[in-house]
Amino acid sequence: MKLAVLYAGQGAQHPGMGKEFYEASSAFRAAFDAADLPFDLHRVCFDDPDGVLNQTEYTQPCMVAFACGVSAVLAEQGVKPAYVAGLSLGEYSALEAAGVFTAKQAIELAAYRGKAMADAASGIDCGMTAVLNLDRVPLAECCEQASALGCVQICNYNCPGQLVIGGEKAAVDKAAELAKQAGARRCIPLKVSGPFHTRLMAPAGDALAKRFTAEPFGEMSVPVLFNCLGREKAESNSIPALLVRQVQSSVYMEDTLHRLGELGVDHILEVGPGNALSGFVKKTLPGVTCVSVETPAQLDTVLNAWKEEQ
């Protein structure tokens, strides 16, 4: 068995995520509680009585704290992936799993990133829309035509038949209209708080670049496939530079999955919450076994089934 672990990005969060793991595992608790944050992580993740979990400056550290906790449980149980990757924010969780960041670093960097992205989006009338069943080239042409109305780019290459465009709302809406004319089956507006993974996030990239100058980066113990490349980095690529680029450029998840297939991966574990990445895997690598885990019971079931396979 050749295993990859994929870490979910923003969008799958919900109140209660991580609570069962927190109650069941001291390893999870140690990772989850590692960071010093300006809000009560338990209150937001487990109950969210103030309704702030979906605000990006809260979502990002909460998601990464959950993922770091699950990674600690996986390590405790002897699970050693051959490769790791994540969708957008999930790349920070993947880097923590690979030893580049400590859990404390990853969670605190996610909080910083979330605030920087919220600041960059402030005052922008933005939009993001999922475009179904239209290829990359014609959709890029639609974006180019619509760019007279403002910034619009393909920001996510998720899987065959599913791309996401984002930017300024008027331009995004026009590109979606053109996409339908070009043969897209559906265009679905997404509920987002910013034009993520577009050039409008350049101020967030600048803020991250400044933060990274004082941040230690460890050596990768597991190869990481990077969002903005769709594959492993070259020796000439620096991780800080890739993370700065990542926040303001497209996420190549479909390319990443194809690369995992080329590398011989036959099992993928999605660390949630949610199962969006599992859906991408099924469409991109239909012969690969992929499961998502959000609770200790789900993880135990998966690990026991894989032990029987071996």
Protein backbone atom coordinates (compact mmCIF):
# COMPACT_ATOMS: atom_id res chain seq x y z
CA MET A 1 0.00 0.00 0.00
CA LYS A 2 1.30 3.45 -0.93
CA LEU A 3 -0.53 6.09 1.08
CA ALA A 4 -1.00 9.83 0.65
CA VAL A 5 -2.75 12.07 3.15
CA LEU A 6 -4.75 15.04 1.87
CA TYR A 7 -5.79 17.88 4.14
CA ALA A 8 -9.05 19.74 3.59
CA GLY A 9 -9.26 23.46 3.02
CA GLN A 10 -11.65 26.16 4.07
CA GLY A 11 -15.33 25.48 3.48
CA ALA A 12 -15.88 22.16 5.27
CA GLN A 13 -15.79 23.63 8.80
CA HIS A 14 -18.71 23.16 11.17
CA PRO A 15 -19.31 23.50 14.93
CA GLY A 16 -18.29 20.37 16.79
CA MET A 17 -15.39 19.45 14.53
CA GLY A 18 -12.62 17.81 16.50
CA LYS A 19 -14.58 17.49 19.73
CA GLU A 20 -14.69 13.68 19.70
CA PHE A 21 -10.98 13.44 18.93
CA TYR A 22 -10.22 15.99 21.67
CA GLU A 23 -12.11 13.95 24.25
CA ALA A 24 -10.57 10.65 23.12
CA SER A 25 -6.89 11.39 22.44
CA SER A 26 -4.15 13.07 24.47
CA ALA A 27 -2.04 13.33 21.29
CA PHE A 28 -4.83 15.25 19.59
CA ARG A 29 -5.24 17.54 22.61
CA ALA A 30 -1.52 18.35 22.76
CA ALA A 31 -1.41 19.43 19.10
CA PHE A 32 -4.77 21.20 19.17
CA ASP A 33 -3.82 23.23 22.25
CA ALA A 34 -0.30 24.09 21.08
CA ALA A 35 -0.95 27.61 19.79
CA ASP A 36 -1.45 30.95 21.48
CA LEU A 37 -4.45 32.57 19.79
CA PRO A 38 -6.44 35.74 20.48
CA PHE A 39 -9.69 33.76 20.85
CA ASP A 40 -10.95 30.61 22.56
CA LEU A 41 -10.28 27.84 20.03
CA HIS A 42 -12.41 25.30 21.90
CA ARG A 43 -15.39 27.66 22.06
CA VAL A 44 -15.30 28.41 18.33
CA CYS A 45 -14.49 24.89 17.07
CA PHE A 46 -16.70 22.88 19.35
CA ASP A 47 -19.75 25.14 19.87
CA ASP A 48 -19.41 28.42 17.92
CA PRO A 49 -22.06 30.20 20.01
CA ASP A 50 -21.08 33.55 18.49
CA GLY A 51 -21.37 32.36 14.89
CA VAL A 52 -17.83 33.31 13.87
CA LEU A 53 -16.48 29.97 12.64
CA ASN A 54 -17.21 30.81 9.00
CA GLN A 55 -15.22 34.06 9.17
CA THR A 56 -11.90 33.32 7.52
CA GLU A 57 -9.75 34.69 10.36
CA TYR A 58 -11.37 32.09 12.65
CA THR A 59 -11.90 29.33 10.11
CA GLN A 60 -8.26 28.97 9.17
CA PRO A 61 -6.68 28.38 12.61
CA CYS A 62 -9.60 26.16 13.62
CA MET A 63 -9.22 23.95 10.55
CA VAL A 64 -5.45 23.68 10.95
CA ALA A 65 -5.74 22.92 14.67
CA PHE A 66 -8.11 20.07 13.84
CA ALA A 67 -5.78 18.74 11.16
CA CYS A 68 -2.67 18.97 13.36
CA GLY A 69 -4.50 17.00 16.02
CA VAL A 70 -5.45 14.25 13.59
CA SER A 71 -1.89 14.15 12.25
CA ALA A 72 -0.68 13.60 15.81
CA VAL A 73 -3.09 10.70 16.18
CA LEU A 74 -1.94 9.19 12.88
CA ALA A 75 1.71 9.47 13.93
CA GLU A 76 0.92 7.89 17.29
CA GLN A 77 -0.67 4.95 15.47
CA GLY A 78 2.33 4.50 13.20
CA VAL A 79 0.71 5.78 10.01
CA LYS A 80 3.47 7.03 7.70
CA PRO A 81 2.26 8.49 4.40
CA ALA A 82 4.50 8.45 1.34
CA TYR A 83 3.23 11.92 0.34
CA VAL A 84 1.12 14.71 1.80
CA ALA A 85 -0.77 17.61 0.25
CA GLY A 86 -3.60 19.94 1.10
CA LEU A 87 -6.21 22.11 -0.58
CA SER A 88 -5.32 25.79 -0.12
CA LEU A 89 -5.25 26.26 3.66
CA GLY A 90 -4.73 22.49 3.97
CA GLU A 91 -1.20 22.98 2.65
CA TYR A 92 -0.22 24.38 6.05
CA SER A 93 -1.55 21.21 7.68
CA ALA A 94 0.41 19.12 5.18
CA LEU A 95 3.59 21.05 5.96
CA GLU A 96 3.04 20.46 9.67
CA ALA A 97 2.59 16.74 9.05
CA ALA A 98 5.84 16.77 7.04
CA GLY A 99 7.78 18.42 9.88
CA VAL A 100 8.27 21.81 8.22
CA PHE A 101 6.15 23.49 10.92
CA THR A 102 5.36 22.58 14.49
CA ALA A 103 1.66 22.41 15.38
CA LYS A 104 2.03 25.72 17.21
CA GLN A 105 3.59 27.35 14.16
CA ALA A 106 1.06 25.99 11.70
CA ILE A 107 -1.96 27.08 13.74
CA GLU A 108 -0.56 30.54 14.47
CA LEU A 109 0.49 31.02 10.84
CA ALA A 110 -3.01 30.01 9.74
CA ALA A 111 -4.45 32.66 12.07
CA TYR A 112 -2.09 35.24 10.61
CA ARG A 113 -2.91 34.15 7.05
CA GLY A 114 -6.64 34.30 7.72
CA LYS A 115 -6.41 37.83 9.10
CA ALA A 116 -4.19 38.92 6.19
CA MET A 117 -6.64 37.48 3.66
CA ALA A 118 -9.61 39.12 5.37
CA ASP A 119 -7.78 42.45 5.33
CA ALA A 120 -6.92 42.05 1.64
CA ALA A 121 -10.56 41.32 0.80
CA SER A 122 -11.93 44.25 2.79
CA GLY A 123 -13.96 46.63 0.63
CA ILE A 124 -13.90 44.42 -2.47
CA ASP A 125 -17.24 43.38 -3.98
CA CYS A 126 -16.06 39.87 -4.72
CA GLY A 127 -17.38 36.55 -5.93
CA MET A 128 -16.37 32.98 -6.61
CA THR A 129 -18.31 30.59 -8.86
CA ALA A 130 -17.92 26.88 -9.53
CA VAL A 131 -18.05 26.10 -13.25
CA LEU A 132 -19.05 22.56 -14.19
CA ASN A 133 -18.16 20.66 -17.34
CA LEU A 134 -16.12 23.25 -19.19
CA ASP A 135 -12.44 22.73 -20.01
CA ARG A 136 -9.64 25.00 -18.82
CA VAL A 137 -8.83 26.71 -22.09
CA PRO A 138 -12.34 27.92 -22.99
CA LEU A 139 -12.94 29.01 -19.39
CA ALA A 140 -9.68 30.98 -19.38
CA GLU A 141 -10.87 32.66 -22.58
CA CYS A 142 -14.16 33.57 -20.86
CA CYS A 143 -12.22 35.10 -17.99
CA GLU A 144 -10.06 37.07 -20.40
CA GLN A 145 -13.14 38.47 -22.14
CA ALA A 146 -14.78 39.38 -18.82
CA SER A 147 -11.67 41.01 -17.40
CA ALA A 148 -12.72 44.36 -18.89
CA LEU A 149 -15.10 44.53 -15.91
CA GLY A 150 -12.41 43.74 -13.33
CA CYS A 151 -10.26 40.93 -12.02
CA VAL A 152 -11.47 37.38 -12.74
CA GLN A 153 -9.30 34.27 -12.83
CA ILE A 154 -9.53 30.51 -12.60
CA CYS A 155 -8.61 30.09 -8.94
CA ASN A 156 -9.20 26.36 -8.42
CA TYR A 157 -8.58 23.43 -10.75
CA ASN A 158 -10.36 20.92 -8.52
CA CYS A 159 -11.02 17.85 -10.65
CA PRO A 160 -12.25 16.93 -14.12
CA GLY A 161 -15.41 18.91 -14.80
CA GLN A 162 -15.06 21.25 -11.83
CA LEU A 163 -13.21 24.56 -11.98
CA VAL A 164 -13.72 27.66 -9.83
CA ILE A 165 -13.39 31.26 -10.94
CA GLY A 166 -12.98 34.20 -8.60
CA GLY A 167 -12.33 37.91 -8.42
CA GLU A 168 -14.46 41.04 -8.58
CA LYS A 169 -18.13 40.16 -8.66
CA ALA A 170 -19.11 41.94 -11.88
CA ALA A 171 -16.29 40.26 -13.79
CA VAL A 172 -16.98 36.86 -12.22
CA ASP A 173 -20.67 37.07 -13.10
CA LYS A 174 -19.83 38.04 -16.69
CA ALA A 175 -17.32 35.20 -17.02
CA ALA A 176 -19.94 32.77 -15.70
CA GLU A 177 -22.44 34.03 -18.28
CA LEU A 178 -19.88 33.54 -21.04
CA ALA A 179 -19.02 30.09 -19.67
CA LYS A 180 -22.63 29.00 -20.00
CA GLN A 181 -22.64 30.23 -23.58
CA ALA A 182 -19.44 28.25 -24.17
CA GLY A 183 -21.07 25.03 -22.97
CA ALA A 184 -20.71 24.90 -19.17
CA ARG A 185 -23.39 22.68 -17.68
CA ARG A 186 -23.83 24.80 -14.55
CA CYS A 187 -22.28 27.82 -12.85
CA ILE A 188 -22.82 27.83 -9.10
CA PRO A 189 -22.03 30.96 -7.04
CA LEU A 190 -20.17 30.10 -3.83
CA LYS A 191 -20.56 31.71 -0.42
CA VAL A 192 -17.14 33.24 0.20
CA SER A 193 -15.75 36.24 2.02
CA GLY A 194 -12.95 37.08 -0.40
CA PRO A 195 -11.50 36.67 -3.90
CA PHE A 196 -9.19 33.90 -2.76
CA HIS A 197 -6.33 32.64 -4.97
CA THR A 198 -6.48 35.62 -7.29
CA ARG A 199 -4.11 38.54 -7.73
CA LEU A 200 -6.39 40.56 -5.43
CA MET A 201 -4.80 38.61 -2.57
CA ALA A 202 -1.37 40.15 -3.32
CA PRO A 203 -1.47 42.21 -0.09
CA ALA A 204 -1.93 39.00 1.88
CA GLY A 205 1.07 37.54 0.06
CA ASP A 206 3.13 40.58 1.00
CA ALA A 207 2.09 40.22 4.64
CA LEU A 208 3.03 36.53 4.65
CA ALA A 209 6.40 37.26 3.04
CA LYS A 210 7.17 39.69 5.85
CA ARG A 211 6.05 37.20 8.53
CA PHE A 212 8.11 34.37 7.03
CA THR A 213 11.38 36.29 7.40
CA ALA A 214 11.20 35.62 11.13
CA GLU A 215 9.80 32.09 10.90
CA PRO A 216 11.93 28.93 11.09
CA PHE A 217 11.21 26.32 8.41
CA GLY A 218 12.18 22.71 9.12
CA GLU A 219 13.24 20.06 6.62
CA MET A 220 10.52 17.97 5.00
CA SER A 221 10.42 14.44 6.38
CA VAL A 222 7.71 13.52 3.84
CA PRO A 223 7.44 14.93 0.30
CA VAL A 224 4.79 17.65 0.01
CA LEU A 225 2.97 18.37 -3.24
CA PHE A 226 2.38 22.12 -3.51
CA ASN A 227 -0.83 23.86 -4.63
CA CYS A 228 0.69 26.37 -7.00
CA LEU A 229 2.81 23.70 -8.73
CA GLY A 230 0.55 20.66 -8.73
CA ARG A 231 3.55 18.52 -7.79
CA GLU A 232 6.61 18.37 -5.53
CA LYS A 233 8.86 21.40 -5.40
CA ALA A 234 12.18 21.62 -7.20
CA GLU A 235 15.38 22.20 -5.25
CA SER A 236 15.35 25.79 -6.49
CA ASN A 237 11.90 26.44 -4.98
CA SER A 238 11.78 27.81 -1.46
CA ILE A 239 8.79 26.92 0.71
CA PRO A 240 8.22 30.50 1.92
CA ALA A 241 8.14 31.75 -1.66
CA LEU A 242 5.70 29.00 -2.66
CA LEU A 243 3.38 29.90 0.22
CA VAL A 244 3.47 33.57 -0.74
CA ARG A 245 2.67 32.60 -4.33
CA GLN A 246 -0.02 30.15 -3.23
CA VAL A 247 -2.28 32.70 -1.57
CA GLN A 248 -2.57 34.77 -4.77
CA SER A 249 -2.46 32.14 -7.53
CA SER A 250 -4.43 29.12 -8.67
CA VAL A 251 -4.75 25.88 -6.71
CA TYR A 252 -3.90 22.92 -8.98
CA MET A 253 -5.60 20.12 -7.07
CA GLU A 254 -6.45 18.05 -10.17
CA ASP A 255 -2.81 18.20 -11.25
CA THR A 256 -1.73 17.24 -7.73
CA LEU A 257 -3.98 14.18 -7.78
CA HIS A 258 -2.74 13.11 -11.21
CA ARG A 259 0.81 13.43 -9.89
CA LEU A 260 -0.02 11.22 -6.91
CA GLY A 261 -1.28 8.64 -9.37
CA GLU A 262 1.97 8.87 -11.34
CA LEU A 263 3.89 8.35 -8.09
CA GLY A 264 2.08 5.07 -7.49
CA VAL A 265 -0.24 6.14 -4.68
CA ASP A 266 -3.09 3.66 -4.35
CA HIS A 267 -4.66 4.77 -1.03
CA ILE A 268 -5.56 8.29 0.02
CA LEU A 269 -6.75 9.44 3.43
CA GLU A 270 -8.62 12.74 3.56
CA VAL A 271 -8.32 14.54 6.88
CA GLY A 272 -11.52 16.54 7.09
CA PRO A 273 -14.00 17.65 8.25
CA GLY A 274 -16.06 16.90 5.18
CA ASN A 275 -15.31 14.76 2.16
CA ALA A 276 -14.88 17.24 -0.71
CA LEU A 277 -11.38 16.02 -1.53
CA SER A 278 -12.58 12.42 -1.62
CA GLY A 279 -15.03 13.49 -4.30
CA PHE A 280 -12.21 15.09 -6.29
CA VAL A 281 -10.15 11.89 -5.99
CA LYS A 282 -13.00 9.70 -7.22
CA LYS A 283 -13.37 11.85 -10.34
CA THR A 284 -9.64 12.18 -10.98
CA LEU A 285 -8.22 8.81 -9.84
CA PRO A 286 -11.17 6.38 -9.94
CA GLY A 287 -8.94 3.37 -9.27
CA VAL A 288 -7.53 4.76 -6.03
CA THR A 289 -9.06 3.94 -2.65
CA CYS A 290 -9.92 7.19 -0.86
CA VAL A 291 -11.66 7.68 2.49
CA SER A 292 -12.26 10.68 4.72
CA VAL A 293 -11.99 10.76 8.51
CA GLU A 294 -13.46 13.21 10.99
CA THR A 295 -13.97 11.08 14.12
CA PRO A 296 -11.92 8.50 16.06
CA ALA A 297 -14.42 5.79 15.13
CA GLN A 298 -14.05 6.53 11.42
CA LEU A 299 -10.26 6.48 11.71
CA ASP A 300 -10.27 3.17 13.58
CA THR A 301 -12.52 1.60 10.94
CA VAL A 302 -10.26 2.78 8.12
CA LEU A 303 -7.01 1.67 9.76
CA ASN A 304 -8.42 -1.75 10.64
CA ALA A 305 -9.63 -2.27 7.08
CA TRP A 306 -6.23 -1.32 5.68
CA LYS A 307 -4.43 -3.64 8.08
CA GLU A 308 -6.57 -6.49 6.78
CA GLU A 309 -5.65 -5.57 3.19
CA GLN A 310 -1.98 -5.85 4.03
